[in-house]
Structures are given as C-alpha cells and as structure tokens.
Amino acid sequence: MFFWLLTAKMIRSKKELQFKYLGMPFSKLEEICGNIDKYYYSFDIPKEDELGRPKTVNGVVQKRTINASRGVLEELQKKILQKILEPNFLMPIHVQGGVKGKDNISHARVHQGRKFRFATDIKSFYPSISEDRIKGKLLGLGFSKPIAWALTSLTTYRGELAQGVCTSTFLANLVFLDTDMEILEYISGHDIKYSRWVDDLHFSSPQDFQELTNGIVEVITKDGFAVSRKKTTYRSKKSAITGVLVGNNGLNVTEKFRNKGLLDLTEDQKMGRENYYDRVKSNKREKK
C-alpha cells in the first residue's frame, strides 16, 4: 500500500486561477482554448533501436509525431506545471519518470541486485489518456468544474495528452496512480519491487515470480490501457532498464550509449558522458 500526498488546497474559483496562478483573465483562457490549434505545431522524429540507430520496418524509418505548444499556451502550461501540479502533488516513491530529483539511473538502481525482473510497456501511453480521464481526475481531487475544464483544455490536444507538452508526463503520472495502487495491492506480500518510468513498468524480486506476471498485465489492461507484447519480458539475466544495464552485482552503460560515444562530440558533451558513466558505475545506491 502507498500514499501520495496533497500539499495544498485545490483551486475552486476563476479569480484564484487568474490572480494566484496564471495571471490571465478566465475569458482569455476560454478564448485560447477555443482556438487551440493555432498554438500547436507538429513534427516527426525518428525512433531509435536498442543500439541508437534509426528504427526501420521493411526499410521504412519509424517516426514519432511530436505535438508541441508555442507562444502564450506554452507559457501557461509551464505555469500550470510549476505553480499548480508540482507544488500540490508529491508522487509516491515508485514513480521515477518526470519527477524532480529522479532520473533513469535512480530508476535502474531500484532493481539492482534482484535476480528476477519483469518489464512491460504501455502502448501509446499519452494518447490513451483522454481529456475525460484528466478532467475526471481533477474533479475527483477537488478542483471545481470550471477550473478542471480550463486546466484540461489547456493541457490536452485533440482530446488527449500530447507528446511534446511539459505538463503531459505529470498528468499521465497523476491519472495512472489508480492503476499503480491496484498493481501494488496485487504484488503485496511477494517481495516484489515495482517502479515506473512514465510508460515503462519494471518489477524485480530475489525469487521467481513469473506466475504473477499475467495477473500484473490483467490489472493494467482492466483499467483500459494496452501493453506492448514486444516490450514485455521476464528475465533472470542482465537486462536494460531505462537505458541502463542492470545485473545482480551492479549497473553498466548500454551498447547504445557506447555507440553514441563514437560520434563527434564537443568537450562539454564528452565531460557529460564521463560524469554519466561514473554515476552508472558507482556502487552506491542513491537515496530514494
């Protein structure tokens, strides 16, 4: 069982939203929401395989579409994240992605030294979180209807969370917490550690727990999410967790990381890589 905390009162009035948080009249927010398309632009980036190369299927490079905000909407989203979401909600310890003070290395260290590991991935995570889910979550947390509507409209695009918006990861974490709770209840008493890096879910234990993995997937799909079968694995050997090789005795960098070191890099980039390598190889477990 886990608990996540509310650390401040939820917003109830339009005036409070204007004067304390966003600095903009509610009527102006309504105008922006009514013309939301003008504040977004889209572009594609290539997906990468495990070695850092462009991922191809039948010779065609696979791409991911990014819907990024701009102008006044981008500024409003930053305020929503920094003034409303982050100060009001303290994420539980198992949520590692999109949380200040956490990174892919701290996430990998959760599972260091535990022989059996299960991983799965949520398909189309952001698109699977609709504006109705977000609005319902905000209402359930105590935001008034006008405020829940405004915050949802300002942070979603075409009815769903957009990849490329600063608030998307936090809101996705917020919505998925209900499923997290069900997962933790299901694995309770089995000495299984669970952590989540946005849409990557990882489990580990010193004992074989493969018989529980189908049940974990059922908990996830019951809540309306779909898992990627290709990215669902159960292993007892060294495996990569959010870009870090995790073994029974320590961590290491991946081949993808090593391959990128062959590129032409600036001195600052080289120093950054060295610092990253030192952190990965450190045997000190980082504070949760």
Protein backbone atom coordinates (compact mmCIF):
# COMPACT_ATOMS: atom_id res chain seq x y z
CA MET A 1 0.00 0.00 0.00
CA PHE A 2 1.24 3.51 -0.72
CA PHE A 3 0.01 7.01 -0.16
CA TRP A 4 0.57 10.11 -2.27
CA LEU A 5 0.04 13.46 -0.69
CA LEU A 6 -1.81 16.66 -1.45
CA THR A 7 0.17 19.54 -0.04
CA ALA A 8 -2.11 22.48 -0.85
CA LYS A 9 -5.76 23.37 -1.32
CA MET A 10 -7.29 22.68 -4.71
CA ILE A 11 -8.33 25.63 -6.86
CA ARG A 12 -12.04 26.40 -6.71
CA SER A 13 -12.57 29.86 -8.21
CA LYS A 14 -11.79 31.55 -11.52
CA LYS A 15 -10.34 34.57 -9.73
CA GLU A 16 -7.94 32.39 -7.78
CA LEU A 17 -6.76 30.76 -11.01
CA GLN A 18 -6.24 34.19 -12.56
CA PHE A 19 -4.57 36.14 -9.78
CA LYS A 20 -2.68 33.46 -7.86
CA TYR A 21 -1.57 31.11 -10.61
CA LEU A 22 -1.91 32.02 -14.29
CA GLY A 23 -2.12 35.82 -14.35
CA MET A 24 -4.73 35.84 -17.09
CA PRO A 25 -8.50 36.51 -17.08
CA PHE A 26 -10.65 33.41 -17.40
CA SER A 27 -12.28 34.86 -20.51
CA LYS A 28 -8.87 34.98 -22.19
CA LEU A 29 -8.24 31.37 -21.22
CA GLU A 30 -11.56 30.43 -22.82
CA GLU A 31 -10.54 32.26 -25.98
CA ILE A 32 -7.25 30.36 -26.15
CA CYS A 33 -8.99 27.02 -25.60
CA GLY A 34 -11.44 27.86 -28.37
CA ASN A 35 -8.57 28.42 -30.82
CA ILE A 36 -6.18 25.79 -29.51
CA ASP A 37 -4.92 24.61 -32.93
CA LYS A 38 -3.12 27.90 -33.56
CA TYR A 39 -0.92 27.28 -30.51
CA TYR A 40 0.42 23.88 -31.62
CA TYR A 41 2.85 22.72 -34.28
CA SER A 42 3.77 19.14 -35.21
CA PHE A 43 6.95 17.44 -36.38
CA ASP A 44 8.32 13.89 -36.59
CA ILE A 45 11.46 12.45 -35.01
CA PRO A 46 12.91 9.02 -35.88
CA LYS A 47 12.55 6.23 -33.37
CA GLU A 48 15.76 4.53 -32.27
CA ASP A 49 16.56 0.86 -31.77
CA GLU A 50 18.47 -0.53 -28.80
CA LEU A 51 21.78 0.46 -30.42
CA GLY A 52 20.78 4.05 -31.06
CA ARG A 53 20.23 3.63 -34.81
CA PRO A 54 17.07 4.77 -36.66
CA LYS A 55 14.47 2.04 -36.24
CA THR A 56 13.18 0.63 -39.55
CA VAL A 57 10.38 -1.73 -40.54
CA ASN A 58 10.61 -3.15 -44.06
CA GLY A 59 13.19 -0.49 -44.88
CA VAL A 60 11.00 2.39 -43.69
CA VAL A 61 12.28 4.57 -40.84
CA GLN A 62 9.77 4.58 -37.98
CA LYS A 63 8.89 8.02 -36.67
CA ARG A 64 7.19 9.52 -33.64
CA THR A 65 4.96 12.56 -34.02
CA ILE A 66 5.55 15.40 -31.58
CA ASN A 67 2.79 17.95 -30.97
CA ALA A 68 4.49 20.89 -29.31
CA SER A 69 2.89 24.04 -27.95
CA ARG A 70 4.10 27.58 -28.51
CA GLY A 71 3.55 31.18 -27.54
CA VAL A 72 1.19 32.05 -24.73
CA LEU A 73 -0.08 28.47 -24.43
CA GLU A 74 3.41 27.15 -23.79
CA GLU A 75 3.89 29.77 -21.08
CA LEU A 76 0.57 28.86 -19.47
CA GLN A 77 1.48 25.18 -19.46
CA LYS A 78 4.77 25.96 -17.71
CA LYS A 79 2.85 27.88 -15.03
CA ILE A 80 0.36 25.02 -14.62
CA LEU A 81 3.23 22.60 -14.10
CA GLN A 82 5.36 24.78 -11.84
CA LYS A 83 2.65 26.57 -9.83
CA ILE A 84 -0.22 24.07 -9.67
CA LEU A 85 0.84 20.48 -10.36
CA GLU A 86 4.33 20.12 -8.87
CA PRO A 87 3.65 22.07 -5.64
CA ASN A 88 0.33 20.30 -4.98
CA PHE A 89 1.22 16.69 -5.56
CA LEU A 90 4.02 14.61 -4.11
CA MET A 91 4.44 11.50 -6.23
CA PRO A 92 4.98 8.16 -4.44
CA ILE A 93 8.40 6.55 -4.40
CA HIS A 94 7.75 4.08 -7.22
CA VAL A 95 7.08 6.88 -9.74
CA GLN A 96 10.50 7.76 -11.14
CA GLY A 97 9.86 9.34 -14.55
CA GLY A 98 9.02 13.03 -14.72
CA VAL A 99 9.83 13.57 -11.04
CA LYS A 100 12.36 16.12 -9.80
CA GLY A 101 15.44 14.51 -8.29
CA LYS A 102 14.91 11.23 -10.16
CA ASP A 103 16.46 10.03 -13.39
CA ASN A 104 16.97 6.83 -15.36
CA ILE A 105 19.89 5.82 -13.14
CA SER A 106 17.96 6.16 -9.88
CA HIS A 107 15.20 4.17 -11.53
CA ALA A 108 17.55 1.35 -12.55
CA ARG A 109 19.09 1.20 -9.07
CA VAL A 110 15.71 0.25 -7.59
CA HIS A 111 16.18 -3.19 -9.16
CA GLN A 112 19.91 -3.65 -8.69
CA GLY A 113 20.85 -6.99 -7.13
CA ARG A 114 17.43 -8.61 -7.62
CA LYS A 115 17.75 -11.61 -9.91
CA PHE A 116 14.29 -11.92 -11.47
CA ARG A 117 12.95 -8.99 -13.49
CA PHE A 118 9.71 -8.37 -15.34
CA ALA A 119 9.17 -5.40 -17.65
CA THR A 120 6.27 -4.18 -19.71
CA ASP A 121 5.40 -1.04 -21.63
CA ILE A 122 2.12 0.82 -22.09
CA LYS A 123 1.18 1.24 -25.75
CA SER A 124 0.54 4.81 -26.91
CA PHE A 125 0.57 5.96 -23.31
CA TYR A 126 -0.15 9.67 -23.80
CA PRO A 127 -2.83 9.20 -26.50
CA SER A 128 -4.53 6.58 -24.32
CA ILE A 129 -5.12 9.22 -21.64
CA SER A 130 -8.15 11.17 -22.79
CA GLU A 131 -9.25 14.62 -21.75
CA ASP A 132 -12.20 12.99 -19.96
CA ARG A 133 -9.82 10.96 -17.79
CA ILE A 134 -7.85 14.03 -16.85
CA LYS A 135 -10.91 16.14 -16.15
CA GLY A 136 -12.41 13.35 -14.05
CA LYS A 137 -9.19 13.02 -12.05
CA LEU A 138 -9.04 16.77 -11.36
CA LEU A 139 -12.69 16.85 -10.31
CA GLY A 140 -12.10 13.89 -8.02
CA LEU A 141 -9.21 15.72 -6.41
CA GLY A 142 -11.37 18.70 -5.55
CA PHE A 143 -10.95 21.19 -8.39
CA SER A 144 -14.18 22.95 -9.33
CA LYS A 145 -15.80 22.19 -12.70
CA PRO A 146 -14.67 25.43 -14.42
CA ILE A 147 -11.10 25.00 -13.18
CA ALA A 148 -10.93 21.31 -14.11
CA TRP A 149 -12.26 22.18 -17.57
CA ALA A 150 -9.75 25.01 -18.07
CA LEU A 151 -6.72 23.01 -16.89
CA THR A 152 -7.73 20.04 -19.03
CA SER A 153 -8.35 22.15 -22.13
CA LEU A 154 -5.03 23.96 -21.73
CA THR A 155 -3.02 20.74 -21.40
CA THR A 156 -4.63 18.40 -23.95
CA TYR A 157 -4.70 18.45 -27.73
CA ARG A 158 -7.40 16.90 -29.89
CA GLY A 159 -8.90 15.07 -26.95
CA GLU A 160 -5.74 13.53 -25.49
CA LEU A 161 -2.38 14.20 -23.90
CA ALA A 162 0.17 15.40 -26.43
CA GLN A 163 3.75 14.21 -26.57
CA GLY A 164 5.84 17.37 -26.54
CA VAL A 165 3.96 19.33 -23.86
CA CYS A 166 5.66 19.96 -20.50
CA THR A 167 2.58 19.02 -18.42
CA SER A 168 1.89 15.68 -20.16
CA THR A 169 4.18 13.45 -18.10
CA PHE A 170 2.95 14.81 -14.77
CA LEU A 171 -0.70 14.46 -15.76
CA ALA A 172 -0.08 10.95 -17.11
CA ASN A 173 1.51 10.02 -13.77
CA LEU A 174 -1.44 11.51 -11.94
CA VAL A 175 -4.01 9.54 -13.93
CA PHE A 176 -2.06 6.26 -13.74
CA LEU A 177 -1.76 6.38 -9.95
CA ASP A 178 -5.05 4.49 -9.60
CA THR A 179 -3.62 1.63 -11.66
CA ASP A 180 -0.38 1.84 -9.68
CA MET A 181 -2.36 1.28 -6.49
CA GLU A 182 -4.01 -1.82 -7.92
CA ILE A 183 -0.65 -3.18 -9.07
CA LEU A 184 0.92 -2.64 -5.65
CA GLU A 185 -2.01 -4.35 -3.95
CA TYR A 186 -1.73 -7.30 -6.35
CA ILE A 187 2.01 -7.87 -5.70
CA SER A 188 1.80 -7.14 -1.96
CA GLY A 189 3.43 -9.84 0.17
CA HIS A 190 5.57 -11.26 -2.65
CA ASP A 191 8.82 -9.31 -2.06
CA ILE A 192 8.50 -7.63 -5.45
CA LYS A 193 9.79 -4.12 -6.08
CA TYR A 194 7.83 -2.03 -8.57
CA SER A 195 8.86 1.19 -10.27
CA ARG A 196 7.56 3.12 -13.25
CA TRP A 197 9.36 5.36 -15.69
CA VAL A 198 6.38 7.08 -17.38
CA ASP A 199 5.10 4.19 -19.55
CA ASP A 200 7.85 1.66 -18.71
CA LEU A 201 6.87 -0.59 -15.80
CA HIS A 202 9.53 -2.68 -14.04
CA PHE A 203 9.32 -5.35 -11.35
CA SER A 204 12.05 -7.33 -9.61
CA SER A 205 12.46 -9.89 -6.86
CA PRO A 206 15.10 -12.25 -5.46
CA GLN A 207 12.56 -15.07 -6.02
CA ASP A 208 10.99 -16.32 -9.24
CA PHE A 209 7.60 -14.59 -9.66
CA GLN A 210 6.80 -15.40 -13.28
CA GLU A 211 3.45 -16.92 -12.30
CA LEU A 212 2.28 -13.44 -11.24
CA THR A 213 3.16 -11.63 -14.48
CA ASN A 214 -0.07 -12.44 -16.32
CA GLY A 215 -2.02 -11.07 -13.38
CA ILE A 216 0.01 -7.84 -13.48
CA VAL A 217 -0.84 -7.40 -17.16
CA GLU A 218 -4.51 -8.07 -16.42
CA VAL A 219 -4.54 -5.31 -13.81
CA ILE A 220 -3.15 -2.87 -16.38
CA THR A 221 -5.48 -3.82 -19.22
CA LYS A 222 -8.52 -3.87 -16.94
CA ASP A 223 -8.02 -0.14 -16.47
CA GLY A 224 -8.21 0.50 -20.21
CA PHE A 225 -4.51 0.51 -21.05
CA ALA A 226 -2.79 -1.80 -23.54
CA VAL A 227 0.66 -3.32 -23.13
CA SER A 228 3.26 -3.83 -25.83
CA ARG A 229 3.85 -7.59 -26.08
CA LYS A 230 7.17 -6.97 -27.87
CA LYS A 231 8.42 -4.99 -24.88
CA THR A 232 7.07 -7.39 -22.25
CA THR A 233 9.90 -9.56 -20.92
CA TYR A 234 10.74 -11.77 -17.97
CA ARG A 235 14.44 -12.37 -17.30
CA SER A 236 16.89 -13.64 -14.75
CA LYS A 237 19.97 -12.30 -16.52
CA LYS A 238 21.38 -8.82 -17.03
CA SER A 239 18.80 -6.57 -18.68
CA ALA A 240 18.38 -2.94 -19.67
CA ILE A 241 16.11 -0.76 -17.55
CA THR A 242 15.52 2.75 -18.94
CA GLY A 243 18.82 2.71 -20.78
CA VAL A 244 20.95 1.22 -18.00
CA LEU A 245 22.17 -2.39 -17.86
CA VAL A 246 21.13 -3.90 -14.53
CA GLY A 247 22.85 -7.01 -13.22
CA ASN A 248 22.92 -8.87 -9.94
CA ASN A 249 26.14 -7.14 -8.89
CA GLY A 250 25.89 -3.67 -10.37
CA LEU A 251 24.97 -1.34 -13.22
CA ASN A 252 26.61 -0.60 -16.54
CA VAL A 253 26.08 1.56 -19.61
CA THR A 254 24.40 0.07 -22.66
CA GLU A 255 25.84 -0.62 -26.09
CA LYS A 256 23.66 2.20 -27.38
CA PHE A 257 25.47 4.60 -25.05
CA ARG A 258 28.86 3.28 -26.16
CA ASN A 259 27.95 3.62 -29.84
CA LYS A 260 26.98 7.26 -29.41
CA GLY A 261 30.44 7.86 -27.98
CA LEU A 262 31.84 7.22 -31.46
CA LEU A 263 30.18 10.38 -32.76
CA ASP A 264 31.94 13.74 -32.96
CA LEU A 265 31.35 15.37 -29.60
CA THR A 266 32.18 18.70 -28.00
CA GLU A 267 34.34 18.82 -24.89
CA ASP A 268 31.24 19.57 -22.78
CA GLN A 269 29.45 16.55 -24.27
CA LYS A 270 32.44 14.34 -23.56
CA MET A 271 32.57 15.55 -19.95
CA GLY A 272 28.82 14.94 -19.59
CA ARG A 273 29.26 11.38 -20.85
CA GLU A 274 32.11 10.75 -18.41
CA ASN A 275 30.05 12.04 -15.48
CA TYR A 276 27.11 9.89 -16.55
CA TYR A 277 29.36 6.82 -16.84
CA ASP A 278 30.79 7.43 -13.37
CA ARG A 279 27.28 7.68 -11.88
CA VAL A 280 26.12 4.49 -13.56
CA LYS A 281 29.18 2.54 -12.42
CA SER A 282 29.02 3.82 -8.85
CA ASN A 283 28.07 1.04 -6.44
CA LYS A 284 26.42 3.50 -4.08
CA ARG A 285 22.66 3.13 -4.02
CA GLU A 286 21.07 6.53 -4.48
CA LYS A 287 18.65 7.92 -1.96
CA LYS A 288 15.01 7.32 -2.88
